[in-house]
N, C-alpha and C. Protein backbone atom coordinates (compact mmCIF):
# COMPACT_ATOMS: atom_id res chain seq x y z
N MET A 1 64.98 -45.58 -35.70
CA MET A 1 65.25 -47.18 -36.09
C MET A 1 63.50 -47.47 -36.93
N VAL A 2 62.51 -46.70 -36.67
CA VAL A 2 61.54 -47.40 -36.94
C VAL A 2 61.68 -45.96 -37.95
N SER A 3 60.80 -45.90 -39.18
CA SER A 3 60.33 -45.43 -40.80
C SER A 3 59.27 -44.05 -40.24
N THR A 4 59.40 -43.17 -40.77
CA THR A 4 57.98 -42.67 -41.15
C THR A 4 56.91 -43.00 -41.20
N GLU A 5 56.87 -44.14 -42.63
CA GLU A 5 55.65 -44.87 -43.15
C GLU A 5 55.09 -45.66 -42.28
N SER A 6 56.16 -46.30 -41.19
CA SER A 6 55.34 -47.51 -40.56
C SER A 6 55.18 -46.94 -39.14
N LEU A 7 55.25 -45.60 -38.97
CA LEU A 7 54.39 -44.92 -37.78
C LEU A 7 53.84 -43.92 -38.12
N LEU A 8 53.47 -43.23 -39.65
CA LEU A 8 52.34 -43.32 -39.43
C LEU A 8 51.05 -43.86 -40.03
N ALA A 9 51.66 -45.47 -40.68
CA ALA A 9 50.88 -46.29 -40.67
C ALA A 9 50.06 -46.91 -39.83
N PHE A 10 51.00 -47.23 -38.65
CA PHE A 10 49.99 -47.56 -36.96
C PHE A 10 49.73 -47.09 -36.36
N ALA A 11 50.37 -45.58 -36.39
CA ALA A 11 49.30 -43.76 -35.60
C ALA A 11 47.63 -44.35 -36.63
N ALA A 12 47.54 -44.36 -38.04
CA ALA A 12 46.03 -45.06 -38.74
C ALA A 12 45.59 -46.08 -38.17
N MET A 13 46.12 -46.78 -38.14
CA MET A 13 45.39 -47.99 -37.38
C MET A 13 45.30 -48.31 -36.21
N SER A 14 45.57 -47.81 -35.45
CA SER A 14 45.55 -46.91 -33.83
C SER A 14 44.74 -46.30 -34.00
N LEU A 15 44.25 -45.45 -34.53
CA LEU A 15 43.36 -44.65 -34.64
C LEU A 15 42.10 -45.23 -34.92
N VAL A 16 41.48 -46.03 -35.76
CA VAL A 16 40.65 -46.51 -36.37
C VAL A 16 40.11 -47.46 -35.32
N VAL A 17 40.93 -48.26 -34.62
CA VAL A 17 40.84 -49.12 -33.69
C VAL A 17 40.20 -48.81 -32.29
N ILE A 18 40.74 -47.33 -31.89
CA ILE A 18 40.30 -47.04 -31.17
C ILE A 18 39.06 -46.39 -30.84
N VAL A 19 39.33 -45.01 -31.86
CA VAL A 19 37.89 -44.50 -31.69
C VAL A 19 36.15 -45.51 -31.44
N ILE A 20 36.64 -46.81 -32.26
CA ILE A 20 35.49 -48.09 -31.79
C ILE A 20 35.26 -48.15 -30.70
N PRO A 21 34.03 -47.14 -29.36
CA PRO A 21 34.32 -47.42 -28.37
C PRO A 21 34.68 -49.14 -27.98
N GLY A 22 35.61 -49.04 -27.12
CA GLY A 22 35.65 -50.82 -26.03
C GLY A 22 35.97 -50.88 -24.69
N PRO A 23 36.00 -51.69 -24.18
CA PRO A 23 36.08 -51.74 -22.80
C PRO A 23 36.66 -50.98 -21.69
N SER A 24 37.43 -49.71 -22.48
CA SER A 24 38.57 -49.22 -21.76
C SER A 24 37.66 -47.13 -21.94
N VAL A 25 36.57 -47.04 -23.28
CA VAL A 25 36.26 -46.14 -22.88
C VAL A 25 34.31 -46.10 -22.27
N LEU A 26 33.93 -47.51 -22.39
CA LEU A 26 32.59 -47.98 -21.19
C LEU A 26 33.21 -47.38 -20.01
N PHE A 27 34.30 -47.88 -19.80
CA PHE A 27 34.70 -47.90 -17.97
C PHE A 27 34.86 -46.40 -17.51
N VAL A 28 35.59 -45.73 -18.67
CA VAL A 28 35.47 -44.67 -18.54
C VAL A 28 34.08 -43.44 -18.15
N VAL A 29 33.07 -43.76 -19.35
CA VAL A 29 32.04 -43.16 -19.10
C VAL A 29 31.40 -43.78 -18.47
N GLY A 30 31.26 -44.71 -17.77
CA GLY A 30 30.65 -45.49 -16.38
C GLY A 30 31.02 -44.95 -14.95
N ARG A 31 32.00 -44.83 -14.92
CA ARG A 31 32.93 -44.09 -13.97
C ARG A 31 32.48 -42.08 -13.44
N ALA A 32 32.41 -41.58 -15.39
CA ALA A 32 31.73 -40.48 -15.03
C ALA A 32 30.85 -40.03 -14.29
N LEU A 33 30.11 -41.57 -15.30
CA LEU A 33 28.81 -40.78 -14.83
C LEU A 33 27.96 -41.39 -13.62
N ALA A 34 28.87 -42.90 -12.53
CA ALA A 34 29.35 -42.96 -11.34
C ALA A 34 29.02 -42.09 -10.78
N HIS A 35 30.64 -40.55 -10.60
CA HIS A 35 31.16 -40.39 -10.06
C HIS A 35 31.65 -38.62 -10.31
N GLY A 36 31.79 -38.32 -11.27
CA GLY A 36 31.86 -37.48 -11.62
C GLY A 36 33.51 -37.52 -12.20
N ARG A 37 33.52 -36.01 -12.65
CA ARG A 37 34.70 -35.36 -13.62
C ARG A 37 35.97 -35.93 -12.92
N ARG A 38 35.95 -36.27 -11.79
CA ARG A 38 37.61 -36.21 -11.02
C ARG A 38 37.87 -36.92 -11.40
N THR A 39 36.97 -38.25 -10.72
CA THR A 39 36.90 -40.08 -10.92
C THR A 39 37.61 -40.18 -12.37
N ALA A 40 36.65 -39.78 -13.46
CA ALA A 40 36.83 -39.14 -14.66
C ALA A 40 38.01 -39.32 -14.96
N LEU A 41 38.73 -38.52 -14.85
CA LEU A 41 40.11 -38.20 -15.18
C LEU A 41 41.18 -39.09 -15.06
N ALA A 42 41.20 -39.30 -13.49
CA ALA A 42 42.02 -40.59 -12.74
C ALA A 42 41.66 -41.76 -13.31
N THR A 43 40.36 -42.11 -14.00
CA THR A 43 40.49 -43.19 -14.67
C THR A 43 41.09 -43.93 -15.91
N VAL A 44 40.89 -42.26 -16.40
CA VAL A 44 41.72 -41.88 -17.78
C VAL A 44 43.93 -42.62 -17.89
N VAL A 45 44.09 -41.88 -16.77
CA VAL A 45 44.93 -41.99 -16.45
C VAL A 45 45.44 -43.26 -16.43
N GLY A 46 44.25 -44.11 -15.45
CA GLY A 46 45.04 -45.14 -15.10
C GLY A 46 44.95 -46.91 -16.41
N ASN A 47 43.41 -46.12 -16.96
CA ASN A 47 43.50 -46.79 -18.45
C ASN A 47 44.49 -45.95 -19.07
N LEU A 48 45.76 -45.06 -19.42
CA LEU A 48 46.86 -45.00 -19.89
C LEU A 48 47.95 -45.79 -19.85
N LEU A 49 48.02 -46.22 -18.89
CA LEU A 49 49.02 -47.03 -17.40
C LEU A 49 49.34 -47.86 -17.91
N GLY A 50 47.86 -48.41 -18.07
CA GLY A 50 47.34 -49.43 -18.27
C GLY A 50 47.75 -50.89 -19.20
N CYS A 51 47.44 -48.97 -20.76
CA CYS A 51 47.50 -49.58 -21.57
C CYS A 51 49.17 -49.71 -22.54
N TYR A 52 49.74 -49.59 -21.71
CA TYR A 52 51.11 -49.06 -21.97
C TYR A 52 51.91 -50.17 -21.35
N ALA A 53 51.28 -50.74 -20.27
CA ALA A 53 51.43 -52.15 -19.39
C ALA A 53 52.01 -53.27 -20.82
N LEU A 54 50.11 -53.19 -21.71
CA LEU A 54 50.21 -53.98 -22.34
C LEU A 54 51.22 -54.52 -23.56
N VAL A 55 51.89 -52.79 -23.74
CA VAL A 55 52.99 -53.08 -24.61
C VAL A 55 54.22 -53.40 -24.35
N LEU A 56 54.16 -53.09 -22.55
CA LEU A 56 55.78 -54.07 -22.13
C LEU A 56 55.44 -55.15 -22.52
N ALA A 57 54.07 -55.57 -22.32
CA ALA A 57 54.29 -56.97 -22.09
C ALA A 57 54.67 -57.89 -22.90
N VAL A 58 53.72 -56.60 -24.42
CA VAL A 58 54.24 -57.74 -26.20
C VAL A 58 55.50 -57.68 -26.29
N ALA A 59 56.29 -56.82 -25.69
CA ALA A 59 57.71 -56.43 -25.96
C ALA A 59 58.33 -56.89 -25.13
N LEU A 60 58.15 -57.63 -24.56
CA LEU A 60 59.02 -58.46 -23.58
C LEU A 60 58.37 -59.89 -23.81
N GLY A 61 58.01 -60.11 -24.81
CA GLY A 61 57.36 -61.54 -25.03
C GLY A 61 56.17 -61.68 -24.31
N LEU A 62 55.60 -60.87 -23.93
CA LEU A 62 54.62 -62.15 -23.08
C LEU A 62 53.26 -62.10 -23.83
N GLY A 63 53.51 -60.98 -24.59
CA GLY A 63 52.32 -61.34 -25.46
C GLY A 63 52.22 -61.83 -26.46
N SER A 64 52.74 -62.08 -27.02
CA SER A 64 52.99 -64.14 -27.54
C SER A 64 52.11 -65.35 -27.09
N LEU A 65 52.27 -64.94 -26.03
CA LEU A 65 52.18 -66.51 -25.23
C LEU A 65 51.11 -66.12 -25.20
N ALA A 66 50.05 -64.57 -24.55
CA ALA A 66 48.33 -64.51 -24.05
C ALA A 66 48.62 -65.01 -25.87
N GLN A 67 48.83 -65.00 -26.42
CA GLN A 67 47.85 -64.97 -27.99
C GLN A 67 48.14 -66.54 -28.47
N SER A 68 48.52 -66.94 -28.31
CA SER A 68 48.60 -68.21 -28.72
C SER A 68 48.31 -68.97 -27.49
N SER A 69 48.37 -68.81 -25.91
CA SER A 69 47.91 -70.24 -25.40
C SER A 69 46.29 -69.70 -24.92
N ALA A 70 45.44 -70.41 -25.16
CA ALA A 70 44.04 -69.84 -24.47
C ALA A 70 43.64 -69.83 -23.20
N THR A 71 44.71 -70.57 -22.20
CA THR A 71 44.52 -70.21 -20.62
C THR A 71 44.71 -68.73 -20.17
N VAL A 72 46.44 -69.01 -21.01
CA VAL A 72 46.12 -67.18 -20.25
C VAL A 72 45.82 -66.48 -20.62
N PHE A 73 45.03 -66.50 -21.95
CA PHE A 73 44.26 -65.22 -22.56
C PHE A 73 43.10 -65.31 -21.32
N THR A 74 41.91 -66.44 -20.83
CA THR A 74 41.29 -66.98 -20.66
C THR A 74 41.59 -66.62 -19.19
N VAL A 75 42.15 -66.21 -18.98
CA VAL A 75 42.84 -65.72 -16.80
C VAL A 75 42.83 -64.39 -17.06
N VAL A 76 43.25 -64.28 -18.27
CA VAL A 76 43.34 -62.59 -18.71
C VAL A 76 42.46 -61.90 -18.29
N LYS A 77 41.63 -61.98 -18.88
CA LYS A 77 39.81 -61.94 -19.40
C LYS A 77 39.62 -61.93 -18.84
N LEU A 78 39.09 -63.23 -17.84
CA LEU A 78 37.98 -63.48 -16.12
C LEU A 78 39.10 -62.69 -15.58
N ALA A 79 39.09 -62.36 -14.83
CA ALA A 79 40.39 -60.89 -14.14
C ALA A 79 39.45 -60.18 -14.40
N GLY A 80 39.93 -58.96 -15.52
CA GLY A 80 38.84 -57.98 -16.14
C GLY A 80 37.27 -57.64 -15.78
N ALA A 81 37.40 -58.87 -16.80
CA ALA A 81 36.01 -59.11 -16.52
C ALA A 81 35.18 -59.21 -15.12
N ALA A 82 36.05 -60.78 -14.42
CA ALA A 82 35.63 -60.24 -12.63
C ALA A 82 35.51 -58.46 -11.83
N TYR A 83 37.00 -57.73 -12.48
CA TYR A 83 36.57 -56.63 -11.71
C TYR A 83 35.76 -55.45 -11.88
N LEU A 84 35.44 -55.92 -13.37
CA LEU A 84 34.90 -54.35 -13.80
C LEU A 84 32.73 -54.84 -12.78
N VAL A 85 32.31 -56.02 -12.91
CA VAL A 85 31.26 -56.59 -12.28
C VAL A 85 31.45 -56.89 -10.94
N HIS A 86 32.83 -56.39 -10.53
CA HIS A 86 32.47 -55.85 -9.22
C HIS A 86 32.46 -54.01 -8.95
N LEU A 87 33.11 -53.36 -9.04
CA LEU A 87 33.08 -52.55 -9.08
C LEU A 87 31.67 -51.79 -9.65
N GLY A 88 31.03 -52.71 -11.16
CA GLY A 88 29.42 -52.34 -11.19
C GLY A 88 28.36 -52.12 -10.06
N VAL A 89 28.88 -53.34 -9.23
CA VAL A 89 27.64 -53.83 -8.12
C VAL A 89 27.86 -52.76 -7.49
N GLN A 90 29.36 -52.09 -6.99
CA GLN A 90 29.18 -50.87 -5.78
C GLN A 90 28.98 -50.41 -5.61
N ALA A 91 29.00 -49.43 -7.28
CA ALA A 91 28.66 -48.27 -8.06
C ALA A 91 26.84 -48.68 -8.20
N PHE A 92 26.30 -49.90 -8.81
CA PHE A 92 24.72 -50.04 -8.09
C PHE A 92 24.28 -49.60 -6.54
N ARG A 93 25.42 -50.27 -5.70
CA ARG A 93 24.66 -50.11 -4.03
C ARG A 93 24.50 -48.58 -3.84
N HIS A 94 25.45 -48.09 -3.80
CA HIS A 94 26.52 -47.16 -3.52
C HIS A 94 25.44 -45.95 -4.19
N ARG A 95 24.36 -45.34 -5.65
CA ARG A 95 23.47 -45.11 -6.01
C ARG A 95 23.37 -43.49 -5.41
N ASP A 96 22.68 -43.33 -4.29
CA ASP A 96 22.41 -43.11 -3.84
C ASP A 96 22.63 -41.65 -3.11
N ARG A 97 24.30 -41.87 -3.36
CA ARG A 97 25.47 -41.51 -1.99
C ARG A 97 25.99 -40.68 -3.38
N LEU A 98 25.29 -40.42 -4.32
CA LEU A 98 25.36 -39.32 -5.81
C LEU A 98 24.75 -38.51 -5.35
N ARG A 99 23.83 -37.85 -4.32
CA ARG A 99 22.94 -36.87 -4.45
C ARG A 99 23.94 -35.81 -3.44
N THR A 100 24.77 -35.85 -3.17
CA THR A 100 25.80 -34.73 -2.87
C THR A 100 27.20 -35.12 -3.57
N GLY A 101 27.43 -36.67 -4.92
CA GLY A 101 28.28 -36.37 -5.12
C GLY A 101 28.62 -35.39 -6.30
N LEU A 102 27.87 -34.20 -6.54
CA LEU A 102 28.27 -33.03 -6.90
C LEU A 102 29.78 -31.91 -6.69
N THR A 103 29.61 -32.26 -5.50
CA THR A 103 31.08 -31.35 -4.41
C THR A 103 32.15 -31.25 -4.26
N ALA A 104 33.28 -30.60 -4.17
CA ALA A 104 34.57 -31.26 -3.83
C ALA A 104 34.59 -32.74 -2.90
N GLN A 105 34.19 -32.12 -1.80
CA GLN A 105 34.11 -32.95 -1.03
C GLN A 105 33.66 -34.23 -1.53
N ALA A 106 32.88 -34.80 -1.88
CA ALA A 106 32.21 -36.32 -2.31
C ALA A 106 32.96 -36.80 -3.19
N ASP A 107 33.82 -35.86 -3.95
CA ASP A 107 35.00 -36.39 -5.33
C ASP A 107 35.70 -36.94 -4.53
N GLU A 108 36.37 -35.45 -3.74
CA GLU A 108 37.57 -36.05 -2.60
C GLU A 108 37.38 -37.43 -2.04
N ARG A 109 36.18 -38.11 -1.53
CA ARG A 109 36.12 -39.31 -0.66
C ARG A 109 36.85 -40.64 -1.58
N ARG A 110 37.29 -40.18 -2.37
CA ARG A 110 36.90 -41.97 -3.06
C ARG A 110 38.41 -41.68 -3.79
N SER A 111 39.87 -42.49 -2.65
CA SER A 111 40.93 -42.06 -3.27
C SER A 111 41.52 -42.11 -4.41
N ASP A 112 42.26 -40.88 -5.02
CA ASP A 112 42.72 -40.32 -6.17
C ASP A 112 43.50 -41.92 -7.25
N LEU A 113 44.08 -41.68 -6.48
CA LEU A 113 45.30 -43.30 -6.24
C LEU A 113 44.57 -44.54 -6.79
N ARG A 114 43.58 -44.78 -5.57
CA ARG A 114 42.49 -46.30 -6.38
C ARG A 114 42.12 -45.78 -7.17
N THR A 115 41.61 -44.32 -7.10
CA THR A 115 40.85 -45.09 -8.46
C THR A 115 41.92 -44.55 -9.50
N VAL A 116 43.46 -44.59 -10.23
CA VAL A 116 44.27 -45.31 -11.36
C VAL A 116 44.56 -46.45 -11.18
N LEU A 117 44.14 -46.68 -10.54
CA LEU A 117 44.89 -48.34 -9.81
C LEU A 117 43.36 -49.04 -10.65
N ASP A 118 42.33 -48.86 -10.06
CA ASP A 118 41.09 -49.42 -10.69
C ASP A 118 41.83 -49.77 -12.74
N GLY A 119 41.38 -48.26 -12.93
CA GLY A 119 41.64 -47.96 -14.11
C GLY A 119 42.70 -48.26 -15.25
N LEU A 120 44.03 -48.77 -14.24
CA LEU A 120 45.52 -48.90 -14.95
C LEU A 120 45.14 -51.18 -15.00
N LEU A 121 44.26 -51.41 -13.56
CA LEU A 121 44.09 -53.00 -13.52
C LEU A 121 42.95 -53.52 -14.89
N VAL A 122 41.81 -52.14 -15.56
CA VAL A 122 41.35 -52.88 -17.06
C VAL A 122 41.40 -52.66 -17.19
N GLY A 123 42.69 -51.67 -17.13
CA GLY A 123 43.69 -51.36 -19.06
C GLY A 123 44.55 -52.47 -19.59
N ALA A 124 44.94 -52.83 -18.48
CA ALA A 124 46.23 -54.07 -18.33
C ALA A 124 45.06 -54.86 -18.50
N THR A 125 44.13 -55.36 -17.65
CA THR A 125 43.09 -56.52 -19.15
C THR A 125 42.24 -56.32 -20.05
N ASN A 126 42.38 -55.45 -20.84
CA ASN A 126 41.89 -54.91 -22.07
C ASN A 126 42.14 -56.44 -23.22
N PRO A 127 40.88 -57.21 -23.03
CA PRO A 127 41.00 -57.68 -24.19
C PRO A 127 41.21 -57.59 -25.31
N LYS A 128 40.66 -56.25 -25.42
CA LYS A 128 40.58 -55.67 -26.99
C LYS A 128 41.77 -55.06 -27.34
N GLY A 129 42.71 -54.18 -26.48
CA GLY A 129 44.02 -54.54 -26.56
C GLY A 129 45.33 -55.01 -26.65
N LEU A 130 45.04 -55.62 -26.04
CA LEU A 130 45.57 -57.05 -25.45
C LEU A 130 46.13 -57.92 -27.19
N ILE A 131 44.80 -58.10 -27.52
CA ILE A 131 44.56 -58.46 -28.95
C ILE A 131 45.27 -57.49 -29.67
N PHE A 132 45.06 -56.88 -30.49
CA PHE A 132 45.61 -55.67 -30.63
C PHE A 132 47.24 -55.60 -30.59
N PHE A 133 47.24 -55.58 -29.54
CA PHE A 133 49.12 -55.27 -29.52
C PHE A 133 50.23 -56.27 -29.69
N ALA A 134 49.07 -57.56 -29.48
CA ALA A 134 49.38 -58.75 -30.05
C ALA A 134 50.08 -59.33 -31.05
N ALA A 135 48.93 -59.05 -32.17
CA ALA A 135 48.44 -59.04 -33.10
C ALA A 135 49.28 -58.41 -33.96
N VAL A 136 49.37 -57.05 -34.01
CA VAL A 136 49.48 -55.62 -35.04
C VAL A 136 50.52 -55.40 -34.64
N LEU A 137 51.56 -54.76 -33.29
CA LEU A 137 52.29 -54.10 -33.04
C LEU A 137 53.71 -54.98 -33.86
N PRO A 138 53.21 -56.00 -33.25
CA PRO A 138 54.92 -56.15 -34.51
C PRO A 138 55.32 -56.34 -35.24
N GLN A 139 53.80 -56.61 -36.64
CA GLN A 139 53.90 -56.27 -37.99
C GLN A 139 54.82 -55.18 -38.37
N PHE A 140 54.84 -54.15 -37.34
CA PHE A 140 55.45 -52.67 -37.56
C PHE A 140 57.27 -52.19 -37.36
N VAL A 141 57.39 -53.65 -36.99
CA VAL A 141 58.88 -53.46 -36.24
C VAL A 141 59.35 -53.63 -37.40
N ASN A 142 61.14 -52.94 -37.34
CA ASN A 142 62.31 -53.04 -38.91
C ASN A 142 62.96 -53.94 -37.21
N HIS A 143 62.80 -55.27 -38.14
CA HIS A 143 63.68 -56.36 -37.50
C HIS A 143 65.43 -56.29 -37.33
N GLU A 144 65.61 -55.47 -38.79
CA GLU A 144 67.15 -54.87 -39.70
C GLU A 144 67.40 -53.96 -38.77
N ALA A 145 66.64 -53.51 -38.16
CA ALA A 145 67.30 -52.44 -37.25
C ALA A 145 67.89 -53.17 -36.03
N GLY A 146 67.75 -53.73 -35.65
CA GLY A 146 67.60 -54.67 -34.27
C GLY A 146 66.56 -53.69 -33.26
N ARG A 147 66.93 -54.32 -32.26
CA ARG A 147 66.67 -53.65 -30.23
C ARG A 147 65.02 -53.26 -30.84
N ILE A 148 64.25 -54.80 -31.05
CA ILE A 148 62.92 -54.35 -31.89
C ILE A 148 62.63 -54.10 -30.38
N PRO A 149 62.49 -54.49 -29.28
CA PRO A 149 61.70 -54.44 -27.49
C PRO A 149 61.49 -52.81 -27.74
N LEU A 150 62.44 -51.90 -27.46
CA LEU A 150 62.71 -51.24 -27.58
C LEU A 150 61.70 -50.14 -28.47
N GLN A 151 61.87 -50.40 -30.25
CA GLN A 151 60.89 -50.26 -31.51
C GLN A 151 59.42 -50.39 -30.66
N MET A 152 59.00 -51.19 -30.46
CA MET A 152 57.47 -51.75 -29.76
C MET A 152 57.62 -50.59 -28.64
N MET A 153 58.81 -50.04 -27.86
CA MET A 153 57.98 -49.13 -26.89
C MET A 153 57.58 -48.10 -27.30
N LEU A 154 58.32 -47.97 -28.01
CA LEU A 154 58.47 -46.56 -28.92
C LEU A 154 57.08 -46.72 -29.77
N LEU A 155 56.86 -47.88 -30.64
CA LEU A 155 55.51 -47.37 -31.78
C LEU A 155 54.17 -47.27 -30.42
N GLY A 156 54.50 -48.26 -29.37
CA GLY A 156 53.33 -48.09 -27.71
C GLY A 156 53.12 -46.52 -27.99
N LEU A 157 53.62 -45.55 -28.01
CA LEU A 157 53.26 -44.50 -26.70
C LEU A 157 52.38 -43.68 -28.22
N ILE A 158 52.35 -44.43 -29.57
CA ILE A 158 51.27 -43.50 -30.62
C ILE A 158 49.78 -44.29 -30.01
N PRO A 159 49.26 -45.54 -29.76
CA PRO A 159 48.53 -45.20 -29.55
C PRO A 159 48.08 -44.91 -28.16
N ALA A 160 48.82 -44.98 -27.12
CA ALA A 160 48.71 -44.83 -25.47
C ALA A 160 48.36 -43.17 -25.50
N GLY A 161 48.80 -42.67 -27.15
CA GLY A 161 48.92 -40.94 -26.72
C GLY A 161 47.39 -40.81 -27.26
N ILE A 162 46.80 -41.41 -28.58
CA ILE A 162 45.58 -41.04 -28.68
C ILE A 162 44.69 -42.15 -28.03
N GLY A 163 44.98 -42.26 -27.20
CA GLY A 163 43.77 -42.84 -26.35
C GLY A 163 43.94 -42.48 -25.73
N LEU A 164 45.00 -41.33 -24.12
CA LEU A 164 44.48 -40.42 -23.88
C LEU A 164 43.76 -39.49 -24.74
N ILE A 165 43.97 -38.84 -25.28
CA ILE A 165 43.25 -37.90 -25.95
C ILE A 165 41.18 -38.54 -26.31
N CYS A 166 41.08 -39.49 -27.18
CA CYS A 166 39.88 -40.32 -26.63
C CYS A 166 39.32 -40.38 -25.68
N ASP A 167 39.95 -40.95 -24.34
CA ASP A 167 39.31 -41.67 -23.48
C ASP A 167 39.22 -39.95 -23.11
N THR A 168 40.24 -38.95 -22.82
CA THR A 168 39.92 -37.47 -21.59
C THR A 168 38.59 -36.66 -22.46
N ALA A 169 38.33 -37.25 -23.79
CA ALA A 169 37.30 -36.68 -23.92
C ALA A 169 35.72 -37.39 -23.88
N TRP A 170 35.81 -38.79 -23.93
CA TRP A 170 35.03 -39.57 -23.72
C TRP A 170 34.28 -39.16 -22.20
N GLY A 171 35.66 -38.95 -20.96
CA GLY A 171 34.98 -38.51 -20.03
C GLY A 171 34.38 -37.32 -19.38
N LEU A 172 35.11 -36.41 -20.09
CA LEU A 172 34.96 -35.10 -20.34
C LEU A 172 32.68 -35.15 -20.38
N SER A 173 32.55 -35.29 -21.53
CA SER A 173 31.08 -35.43 -22.10
C SER A 173 30.50 -36.34 -21.22
N ALA A 174 31.18 -37.26 -20.41
CA ALA A 174 30.26 -37.75 -19.45
C ALA A 174 29.52 -36.72 -18.70
N SER A 175 31.15 -36.63 -18.11
CA SER A 175 30.69 -36.67 -17.24
C SER A 175 29.59 -34.97 -16.70
N ALA A 176 30.29 -33.67 -18.07
CA ALA A 176 28.87 -32.74 -18.48
C ALA A 176 28.06 -33.60 -18.12
N ALA A 177 27.52 -34.61 -18.79
CA ALA A 177 25.81 -34.96 -18.97
C ALA A 177 25.57 -35.44 -17.31
N ARG A 178 26.11 -35.62 -17.42
CA ARG A 178 25.31 -36.41 -15.41
C ARG A 178 25.51 -34.95 -14.69
N SER A 179 26.19 -33.68 -14.74
CA SER A 179 26.30 -32.37 -14.28
C SER A 179 24.87 -31.88 -15.01
N TRP A 180 24.58 -32.12 -16.13
CA TRP A 180 23.03 -31.65 -16.59
C TRP A 180 22.53 -32.22 -15.59
N LEU A 181 22.34 -33.81 -15.60
CA LEU A 181 21.43 -34.28 -15.13
C LEU A 181 21.26 -34.03 -13.50
N ALA A 182 22.40 -33.21 -12.89
CA ALA A 182 22.11 -32.83 -11.72
C ALA A 182 21.20 -32.48 -10.64
N GLY A 183 20.19 -31.41 -12.52
CA GLY A 183 19.08 -30.93 -11.54
C GLY A 183 18.00 -31.90 -10.29
N SER A 184 17.69 -32.87 -11.05
CA SER A 184 16.79 -34.35 -9.90
C SER A 184 17.62 -35.16 -9.45
N GLU A 185 17.56 -35.23 -7.95
CA GLU A 185 17.92 -35.88 -6.78
C GLU A 185 18.03 -37.73 -7.81
N ARG A 186 16.41 -37.44 -8.21
CA ARG A 186 16.15 -39.46 -8.61
C ARG A 186 16.81 -39.20 -10.23
N ARG A 187 16.98 -38.67 -10.60
CA ARG A 187 17.33 -38.70 -11.85
C ARG A 187 19.19 -38.80 -11.60
N LEU A 188 19.95 -37.92 -10.92
CA LEU A 188 21.30 -38.63 -10.59
C LEU A 188 21.24 -39.71 -9.54
N SER A 189 20.40 -40.11 -9.08
CA SER A 189 20.81 -41.24 -8.34
C SER A 189 20.42 -42.51 -9.72
N MET A 190 18.83 -42.49 -10.78
CA MET A 190 18.91 -42.88 -11.31
C MET A 190 19.81 -43.78 -12.54
N ILE A 191 21.08 -41.82 -12.88
CA ILE A 191 22.13 -42.36 -13.73
C ILE A 191 23.70 -42.85 -13.23
N GLY A 192 23.77 -42.96 -11.83
CA GLY A 192 24.21 -43.45 -11.04
C GLY A 192 24.09 -45.26 -10.97
N GLY A 193 23.27 -45.23 -11.06
CA GLY A 193 22.93 -46.23 -10.91
C GLY A 193 23.23 -47.44 -12.29
N ALA A 194 22.46 -46.47 -13.34
CA ALA A 194 22.55 -46.90 -14.39
C ALA A 194 24.61 -46.77 -14.87
N GLY A 195 24.99 -46.28 -14.67
CA GLY A 195 26.63 -46.57 -15.00
C GLY A 195 26.78 -47.18 -14.39
N GLY A 196 26.40 -47.71 -13.24
CA GLY A 196 26.86 -49.19 -12.42
C GLY A 196 26.84 -50.58 -13.36
N ILE A 197 25.36 -50.31 -13.75
CA ILE A 197 24.80 -52.07 -14.65
C ILE A 197 25.56 -51.37 -15.49
N ALA A 198 25.65 -50.34 -16.33
CA ALA A 198 26.75 -50.06 -17.54
C ALA A 198 28.69 -50.92 -17.26
N LEU A 199 29.07 -51.28 -16.40
CA LEU A 199 30.24 -51.60 -15.80
C LEU A 199 29.96 -53.23 -16.26
N ILE A 200 28.70 -53.20 -15.26
CA ILE A 200 28.19 -54.75 -15.26
C ILE A 200 28.12 -55.92 -16.70
N GLY A 201 27.95 -55.23 -17.19
CA GLY A 201 27.58 -55.31 -18.69
C GLY A 201 28.58 -55.55 -19.31
N LEU A 202 28.97 -54.42 -19.36
CA LEU A 202 31.25 -54.33 -20.24
C LEU A 202 31.39 -55.45 -19.72
N GLY A 203 31.37 -55.69 -18.09
CA GLY A 203 32.24 -57.62 -17.37
C GLY A 203 31.72 -59.02 -18.04
N LEU A 204 30.18 -59.00 -18.02
CA LEU A 204 30.10 -59.75 -19.06
C LEU A 204 30.06 -59.80 -20.35
N ALA A 205 30.61 -58.85 -21.12
CA ALA A 205 30.53 -58.92 -22.44
C ALA A 205 31.67 -59.05 -22.29
N VAL A 206 32.77 -58.12 -22.10
CA VAL A 206 34.38 -58.62 -21.50
C VAL A 206 34.35 -60.67 -21.60
N ALA A 207 34.17 -60.77 -20.13
CA ALA A 207 33.89 -62.72 -19.67
C ALA A 207 33.29 -63.31 -20.83
N THR A 208 32.68 -63.16 -22.80
CA THR A 208 32.72 -63.91 -23.62
C THR A 208 33.45 -63.40 -24.69
N THR A 209 34.39 -62.56 -24.46
CA THR A 209 35.23 -62.61 -25.39
C THR A 209 35.91 -63.74 -26.37
N GLN A 210 35.60 -64.30 -27.61
CA GLN A 210 36.76 -65.09 -27.96
C GLN A 210 38.49 -65.35 -27.90
N HIS A 211 38.75 -65.79 -27.95
CA HIS A 211 40.58 -66.06 -28.09
C HIS A 211 40.91 -65.54 -29.70
């Protein structure tokens, strides 16, 4: 249904957009710094699901509504921003707990399912992803072939796959840096606080995103 040329063009455009760090990347990095590799990877999975949720929304026609309605866009944007700020505040408040956070037991304190759901919510309310899918995805659909929602779902697998690879690389790199800094309890506590501040700043940045 979708031509090879369209697939390659959409993949190239998706790569350009994804490699520029946005809310999802900064969120993964913040969680990696605050909680470590396991939480970072679970966050990547959640972001992947949230990203594809946006694809489904666009395929079902909800994306065009968010694109044309300032109210819908603002609600989605502020919901994501508020949740990021909440997570950042929690990470900053509990930064001292990172002194034992590199052990397996500490990583298991946080439910993997909860972490995935956190990532899903942030990914699904990512203004960058919403704008990209709503404005760009429909342009690569072959309208003459029909089954437009199915075409969008298939095309959406491309940025989802690219995002999975890129976000995983960011998460592993950030968690490695966190492990390297763990030689000092004070530095580890500081990096946990920095991760929380980064999430708060990201939430504020998302809140000020223009429609």
